[in-house]
Protein backbone atom coordinates (compact mmCIF):
# COMPACT_ATOMS: atom_id res chain seq x y z
CA MET A 1 -68.89 161.48 -82.82
CA PRO A 2 -72.40 161.97 -81.37
CA GLY A 3 -72.04 158.90 -79.13
CA LEU A 4 -69.54 160.79 -76.97
CA ASN A 5 -72.34 162.99 -75.63
CA ALA A 6 -73.42 160.04 -73.45
CA TYR A 7 -70.36 160.77 -71.32
CA LYS A 8 -71.80 164.13 -70.20
CA GLY A 9 -74.46 162.67 -67.95
CA TYR A 10 -72.21 159.87 -66.75
CA CYS A 11 -69.32 162.11 -65.72
CA SER A 12 -71.63 164.75 -64.22
CA ASN A 13 -72.99 162.14 -61.85
CA GLN A 14 -69.62 160.84 -60.65
CA LEU A 15 -69.40 162.96 -57.51
CA ALA A 16 -72.80 161.80 -56.24
CA ALA A 17 -71.97 158.22 -57.27
CA LYS A 18 -68.71 158.27 -55.31
CA ALA A 19 -70.48 159.66 -52.24
CA LEU A 20 -73.13 156.93 -52.46
CA LEU A 21 -70.49 154.24 -52.83
CA ASP A 22 -68.61 155.53 -49.79
CA GLN A 23 -71.86 155.53 -47.82
CA LYS A 24 -72.66 151.94 -48.82
CA LYS A 25 -69.17 150.84 -47.79
CA GLN A 26 -70.11 151.63 -44.21
CA ASP A 27 -72.25 148.48 -44.28
CA PRO A 28 -69.97 145.57 -43.20
CA ARG A 29 -71.71 143.19 -45.60
CA VAL A 30 -71.08 145.46 -48.58
CA GLN A 31 -67.50 146.06 -47.51
CA ASP A 32 -66.91 142.32 -47.12
CA PHE A 33 -68.35 141.61 -50.58
CA LEU A 34 -66.22 144.32 -52.21
CA GLN A 35 -63.12 143.05 -50.44
CA ARG A 36 -63.70 139.48 -51.68
CA CYS A 37 -64.21 140.83 -55.20
CA LEU A 38 -60.98 142.77 -54.93
CA GLU A 39 -59.10 139.63 -53.93
CA SER A 40 -60.56 137.59 -56.80
CA PRO A 41 -58.49 137.10 -59.99
CA PHE A 42 -61.15 138.65 -62.25
CA SER A 43 -60.83 142.06 -60.55
CA ARG A 44 -57.16 142.44 -61.54
CA LYS A 45 -56.71 144.00 -58.06
CA LEU A 46 -58.92 146.94 -59.02
CA ASP A 47 -61.69 148.11 -56.70
CA LEU A 48 -65.24 148.92 -57.78
CA TRP A 49 -64.59 152.64 -58.17
CA SER A 50 -61.71 151.97 -60.56
CA PHE A 51 -64.13 150.19 -62.89
CA LEU A 52 -66.74 152.94 -62.56
CA ASP A 53 -64.10 155.52 -63.40
CA ILE A 54 -62.74 153.74 -66.50
CA PRO A 55 -65.10 155.47 -69.00
CA ARG A 56 -63.97 158.92 -67.86
CA SER A 57 -60.29 158.05 -67.70
CA ARG A 58 -60.43 156.51 -71.17
CA LEU A 59 -62.19 159.53 -72.64
CA VAL A 60 -59.52 162.00 -71.55
CA LYS A 61 -56.88 159.87 -73.31
CA TYR A 62 -58.49 160.21 -76.74
CA PRO A 63 -57.02 163.66 -77.51
CA LEU A 64 -53.55 162.41 -76.60
CA LEU A 65 -53.98 159.35 -78.82
CA LEU A 66 -55.21 161.41 -81.79
CA LYS A 67 -52.39 163.94 -81.40
CA GLU A 68 -49.84 161.15 -81.34
CA ILE A 69 -51.31 159.67 -84.53
CA LEU A 70 -51.27 163.10 -86.14
CA ARG A 71 -47.62 163.57 -85.16
CA HIS A 72 -46.66 160.44 -87.07
CA THR A 73 -48.84 161.23 -90.08
CA PRO A 74 -47.11 162.77 -93.13
CA LYS A 75 -47.99 166.43 -93.68
CA ASP A 76 -49.33 165.77 -97.16
CA HIS A 77 -51.50 162.80 -96.14
CA SER A 78 -55.27 163.07 -96.58
CA ASP A 79 -55.87 161.98 -92.96
CA VAL A 80 -54.24 165.12 -91.54
CA GLN A 81 -57.36 167.26 -91.94
CA LEU A 82 -59.62 164.52 -90.57
CA LEU A 83 -57.40 164.04 -87.53
CA GLU A 84 -57.29 167.77 -86.82
CA GLU A 85 -61.09 167.95 -87.02
CA ALA A 86 -61.40 164.91 -84.74
CA ILE A 87 -59.09 166.52 -82.16
CA LEU A 88 -61.17 169.70 -82.15
CA ILE A 89 -64.37 167.70 -81.73
CA ILE A 90 -63.10 165.60 -78.85
CA GLN A 91 -61.65 168.65 -77.10
CA GLY A 92 -65.00 170.39 -77.42
CA VAL A 93 -66.77 167.38 -75.94
CA LEU A 94 -64.32 167.29 -73.04
CA SER A 95 -64.84 171.01 -72.38
CA ASP A 96 -68.61 170.54 -72.33
CA ILE A 97 -68.29 167.53 -70.01
CA ASN A 98 -66.03 169.47 -67.66
CA LEU A 99 -68.48 172.39 -67.61
CA LYS A 100 -71.44 170.14 -66.88
CA LYS A 101 -69.45 168.27 -64.26
CA GLY A 102 -68.53 171.55 -62.57
CA GLU A 103 -72.18 172.66 -62.49
CA SER A 104 -73.21 169.27 -61.10
CA GLU A 105 -70.56 169.41 -58.38
CA CYS A 106 -71.60 172.96 -57.50
CA GLN A 107 -75.25 171.92 -57.13
CA TYR A 108 -74.25 168.82 -55.16
CA TYR A 109 -72.65 170.93 -52.42
CA ILE A 110 -75.39 173.58 -52.50
CA ASP A 111 -77.94 170.85 -51.75
CA LYS A 112 -75.86 169.77 -48.73
CA LEU A 113 -75.83 173.21 -47.09
CA GLU A 114 -77.82 173.63 -43.86
CA TYR A 115 -78.80 177.04 -42.53
CA LEU A 116 -79.14 177.95 -38.86
CA ASP A 117 -80.96 181.16 -39.66
CA GLU A 118 -83.05 182.37 -42.59
CA LYS A 119 -80.81 185.46 -42.80
CA GLN A 120 -77.95 183.23 -43.90
CA LYS A 121 -79.75 182.25 -47.08
CA ASP A 122 -78.49 184.28 -50.01
CA PRO A 123 -79.96 183.99 -53.53
CA ARG A 124 -76.42 184.13 -54.91
CA ILE A 125 -75.75 180.71 -53.39
CA GLU A 126 -78.70 178.99 -55.07
CA ALA A 127 -77.92 180.77 -58.35
CA SER A 128 -74.28 179.62 -58.38
CA LYS A 129 -73.14 177.54 -61.33
CA VAL A 130 -69.40 177.55 -60.60
CA LEU A 131 -67.59 176.36 -57.48
CA LEU A 132 -64.18 177.99 -57.84
CA CYS A 133 -62.55 176.14 -54.95
CA HIS A 134 -63.42 174.49 -51.67
CA GLY A 135 -61.55 172.88 -48.82
CA GLU A 136 -60.74 172.77 -45.13
CA LEU A 137 -59.20 175.55 -43.03
CA LYS A 138 -59.01 176.28 -39.30
CA ASN A 139 -60.44 179.31 -37.55
CA LYS A 140 -58.74 181.28 -34.78
CA ASN A 141 -59.80 178.71 -32.18
CA GLY A 142 -58.32 175.83 -34.12
CA HIS A 143 -61.74 174.48 -35.14
CA LYS A 144 -62.06 173.04 -38.63
CA LEU A 145 -64.21 174.89 -41.13
CA TYR A 146 -65.05 173.85 -44.67
CA ILE A 147 -64.96 176.79 -47.07
CA PHE A 148 -66.82 177.11 -50.37
CA LEU A 149 -65.85 179.84 -52.82
CA PHE A 150 -68.62 180.21 -55.39
CA GLN A 151 -68.32 182.70 -58.23
CA ASP A 152 -70.27 185.39 -56.35
CA ILE A 153 -70.10 184.49 -52.67
CA LEU A 154 -67.85 182.95 -49.99
CA VAL A 155 -69.53 180.48 -47.62
CA LEU A 156 -67.95 179.16 -44.41
CA THR A 157 -69.40 175.96 -42.99
CA ARG A 158 -68.91 173.25 -40.38
CA PRO A 159 -69.09 169.63 -41.62
CA VAL A 160 -71.72 167.64 -39.70
CA THR A 161 -72.99 164.06 -39.88
CA ARG A 162 -76.51 162.98 -38.96
CA ASN A 163 -77.82 159.47 -39.53
CA GLU A 164 -74.82 158.71 -41.75
CA ARG A 165 -75.68 161.71 -43.93
CA HIS A 166 -72.93 164.26 -44.41
CA SER A 167 -73.87 167.91 -44.71
CA TYR A 168 -72.37 171.38 -44.19
CA GLN A 169 -73.83 173.72 -41.60
CA VAL A 170 -73.38 177.34 -42.64
CA TYR A 171 -71.12 179.18 -40.19
CA ARG A 172 -72.02 182.82 -39.67
CA GLN A 173 -73.08 185.02 -42.57
CA PRO A 174 -71.94 184.24 -46.15
CA ILE A 175 -69.82 187.05 -47.65
CA PRO A 176 -70.65 188.27 -51.18
CA ILE A 177 -67.54 188.71 -53.31
CA GLN A 178 -68.39 192.37 -53.92
CA GLU A 179 -68.36 193.01 -50.15
CA LEU A 180 -65.33 190.84 -49.37
CA VAL A 181 -62.03 192.15 -48.02
CA LEU A 182 -59.02 189.81 -48.07
CA GLU A 183 -56.08 190.49 -45.76
CA ASP A 184 -52.67 188.84 -45.80
CA LEU A 185 -51.39 188.38 -42.22
CA GLN A 186 -47.86 187.76 -41.03
CA ASP A 187 -47.10 184.65 -39.02
CA GLY A 188 -47.96 185.21 -35.36
CA ASP A 189 -49.15 188.76 -35.97
CA VAL A 190 -52.89 189.38 -35.72
CA ARG A 191 -53.92 192.84 -34.60
CA MET A 192 -57.69 193.30 -34.74
CA GLY A 193 -59.64 191.92 -31.83
CA GLY A 194 -56.54 191.21 -29.75
CA SER A 195 -53.64 188.85 -30.21
CA PHE A 196 -54.34 185.28 -31.25
CA ARG A 197 -50.79 184.07 -30.64
CA GLY A 198 -51.07 180.62 -29.17
CA ALA A 199 -54.80 180.49 -29.87
CA PHE A 200 -54.30 177.82 -32.51
CA SER A 201 -53.81 174.17 -31.61
CA ASN A 202 -50.06 174.41 -31.05
CA SER A 203 -48.08 176.60 -28.70
CA ASP A 204 -46.05 178.20 -31.50
CA LYS A 205 -47.00 181.41 -33.24
CA ALA A 206 -49.92 181.07 -35.63
CA LYS A 207 -48.59 180.53 -39.13
CA ASN A 208 -50.05 180.59 -42.64
CA ILE A 209 -52.96 182.82 -41.67
CA PHE A 210 -55.12 185.30 -43.53
CA ARG A 211 -58.40 187.06 -42.89
CA VAL A 212 -61.64 187.50 -44.78
CA ARG A 213 -64.28 190.01 -43.74
CA PHE A 214 -67.05 192.30 -44.88
CA GLN A 215 -66.18 195.78 -46.13
CA ASP A 216 -68.93 197.08 -43.86
CA PRO A 217 -68.16 196.04 -40.26
CA SER A 218 -71.77 196.39 -39.12
CA PRO A 219 -72.49 192.63 -39.31
CA GLY A 220 -69.45 192.05 -37.07
CA GLN A 221 -68.09 189.43 -39.44
CA SER A 222 -64.34 188.78 -39.48
CA HIS A 223 -62.74 185.37 -39.96
CA THR A 224 -59.07 184.67 -39.30
CA LEU A 225 -58.22 181.44 -41.13
CA GLN A 226 -55.21 179.13 -41.04
CA ALA A 227 -54.00 176.87 -43.86
CA ASN A 228 -51.93 173.71 -43.44
CA ASP A 229 -48.77 175.29 -44.83
CA VAL A 230 -47.48 178.29 -46.74
CA PHE A 231 -48.14 176.68 -50.14
CA HIS A 232 -51.79 176.04 -49.41
CA LYS A 233 -52.20 179.50 -47.92
CA GLN A 234 -50.91 180.89 -51.21
CA GLN A 235 -53.37 178.73 -53.14
CA TRP A 236 -56.29 179.99 -51.10
CA PHE A 237 -55.09 183.58 -51.20
CA ASN A 238 -54.65 183.58 -54.98
CA CYS A 239 -57.93 181.80 -55.63
CA ILE A 240 -59.94 184.29 -53.53
CA ARG A 241 -58.02 187.22 -55.00
CA ALA A 242 -58.75 186.02 -58.56
CA ALA A 243 -62.46 185.75 -57.72
CA MET A 244 -62.43 189.30 -56.33
CA ALA A 245 -60.56 190.82 -59.28
CA PRO A 246 -63.56 191.61 -61.54
CA SER A 247 -65.43 193.47 -58.79
CA ARG A 248 -62.28 195.31 -57.66
CA GLN A 249 -61.31 196.75 -61.03
CA ALA A 250 -63.58 199.73 -60.50
CA THR A 251 -62.48 200.22 -56.86
CA SER A 252 -59.63 202.66 -56.25
CA PRO A 253 -56.90 201.95 -53.66
CA SER A 254 -57.95 205.03 -51.68
CA GLU A 255 -61.43 203.56 -51.25
CA LEU A 256 -59.97 200.34 -49.88
CA GLN A 257 -57.67 202.15 -47.48
CA GLY A 258 -60.63 204.10 -46.13
CA LEU A 259 -62.53 200.99 -45.06
CA PRO A 260 -63.57 201.03 -41.38
CA GLU A 261 -62.14 198.68 -38.76
CA PRO A 262 -64.12 195.42 -38.38
CA HIS A 263 -65.21 193.75 -35.17
CA GLU A 264 -63.77 190.35 -34.35
CA GLU A 265 -65.53 187.00 -34.48
CA TYR A 266 -68.11 186.12 -31.89
CA GLY A 267 -69.65 182.84 -30.83
CA GLU A 268 -68.80 179.39 -32.07
CA ASN A 269 -71.18 178.71 -34.94
CA CYS A 270 -73.93 181.26 -35.06
CA PRO A 271 -75.25 183.89 -37.46
CA PRO A 272 -76.04 187.38 -36.12
CA ALA A 273 -78.46 187.14 -33.17
CA SER A 274 -77.99 183.38 -32.98
CA ASN A 275 -75.90 181.22 -30.65
CA ALA A 276 -76.54 177.70 -32.00
CA ARG A 277 -73.62 175.30 -31.66
CA ALA A 278 -72.74 173.17 -34.69
CA GLN A 279 -71.50 169.62 -34.62
CA ARG A 280 -68.08 168.91 -36.00
CA ARG A 281 -67.09 166.13 -38.34
CA ALA A 282 -63.58 164.73 -38.35
CA SER A 283 -61.48 165.46 -41.41
CA THR A 284 -61.30 162.64 -43.95
CA ALA A 285 -58.01 163.71 -45.43
CA SER A 286 -54.89 165.49 -44.23
CA SER A 287 -53.34 166.75 -47.44
CA MET A 288 -54.48 169.11 -50.14
CA THR A 289 -54.96 168.13 -53.74
CA GLN A 290 -56.26 169.77 -56.87
CA VAL A 291 -59.12 168.38 -58.92
CA GLU A 292 -58.15 168.06 -62.58
CA VAL A 293 -60.35 167.65 -65.65
CA ASP A 294 -60.33 163.89 -65.02
CA GLY A 295 -62.80 164.49 -62.20
CA ASP A 296 -61.13 162.80 -59.22
CA ALA A 297 -63.44 162.92 -56.24
CA SER A 298 -62.49 165.58 -53.71
CA GLU A 299 -62.07 164.85 -50.01
CA SER A 300 -62.41 166.93 -46.89
CA GLY A 301 -59.18 168.67 -46.08
CA THR A 302 -58.45 169.52 -49.70
CA LEU A 303 -58.29 172.70 -51.65
CA VAL A 304 -59.98 171.96 -54.92
CA HIS A 305 -60.44 173.93 -58.13
CA PRO A 306 -63.29 172.12 -59.89
CA ALA A 307 -63.70 174.81 -62.52
CA ASP A 308 -60.14 174.69 -63.95
CA ASP A 309 -60.40 174.04 -67.73
CA ALA A 310 -64.17 174.74 -67.88
CA LYS A 311 -65.37 177.20 -70.54
CA GLY A 312 -65.35 180.74 -69.22
CA THR A 313 -65.09 179.52 -65.63
CA LYS A 314 -61.36 179.28 -65.02
CA ALA A 315 -60.15 180.22 -61.57
CA HIS A 316 -56.74 181.61 -62.39
CA ARG A 317 -54.18 180.94 -59.71
CA ALA A 318 -51.36 183.44 -59.55
CA GLN A 319 -47.88 181.96 -59.27
CA ALA A 320 -46.29 184.92 -57.52
CA GLY A 321 -44.65 184.21 -54.18
CA LEU A 322 -46.03 185.26 -50.81
CA ARG A 323 -45.69 188.83 -49.79
CA LYS A 324 -42.44 189.66 -48.05
CA PRO A 325 -42.63 190.40 -44.32
CA ARG A 326 -43.54 193.98 -43.69
CA ASP A 327 -41.66 196.41 -41.51
CA LYS A 328 -43.32 196.29 -38.10
CA ALA A 329 -41.45 199.37 -36.97
CA GLN A 330 -43.57 201.62 -39.18
CA VAL A 331 -46.81 203.30 -38.10
CA GLY A 332 -45.82 203.51 -34.45
CA GLY A 333 -44.90 199.84 -34.16
CA LYS A 334 -48.24 198.61 -35.55
CA ARG A 335 -48.47 195.98 -38.28
CA LYS A 336 -49.20 197.21 -41.77
CA GLU A 337 -52.14 195.49 -43.48
CA THR A 338 -52.57 194.51 -47.09
CA LEU A 339 -56.16 194.98 -48.18
CA VAL A 340 -57.14 193.50 -51.49
């Protein structure tokens, strides 16, 4: 089935195509035309993107169709072997498409990164081929950040819009996975750098929070982040922990416990020795979703795993529950930390 290879380029370009379509919809004339098309009988009440997405959605149904045919085919029939071979071929094509689509999505977001300082540029960002997950979180001041977890580096950004062009301004210094420390924090209990209780947008205790920081505190980089709810905190926590696992296998627990205390965050949106303010873009979505192999376009405010199902690039998400609250009475009344 060599003709199926044409889907690779088409599906790889879907993210950029969706972004371009959304941009064109800002023109009232285009929006009016699309609305009249949608209301016409020939559209079957489907919008333009539904038609553009039909090739991909049809392709992912082929394995299901072939398996169903195979299920109803007698074991001794000559078509059994042909069907099994066809299933393997189509699954291989889908895996290749998903891999190419993941690389295309990764490059799409890399091209949209803006740097406030040359020191923020890291060769590991440009070399990235896999975007493990990305989505929106809040920092300790309640400001929205958009986080990108590439296979070798974590990048925090602020979404900005200039001349109808959306981009992501890098916030502080990107953290290489090998230098990353992940800390699970209890609700309303943040120790380093003072208490942040009430520092978030509501008056209640800060909930669903965790911290990422450098192992070496010299850059002064520490980010306390808040997810929408406990489920999405667990998703983020497990995704980052899975990315860190390969580089942590050779690190002993005693080495982690001996890490020095970090300094807290400084400034609003500046790298070391910089105090440039970043513009903020309003969130375009309020709930979190997961991108599947069908390639649904991701929106701001979502935690997405674009590499799920790609060859050798799975971001495994642990299903274990959140850590149980720790005994605050220990260590002279201080909170115990979990360093990963």
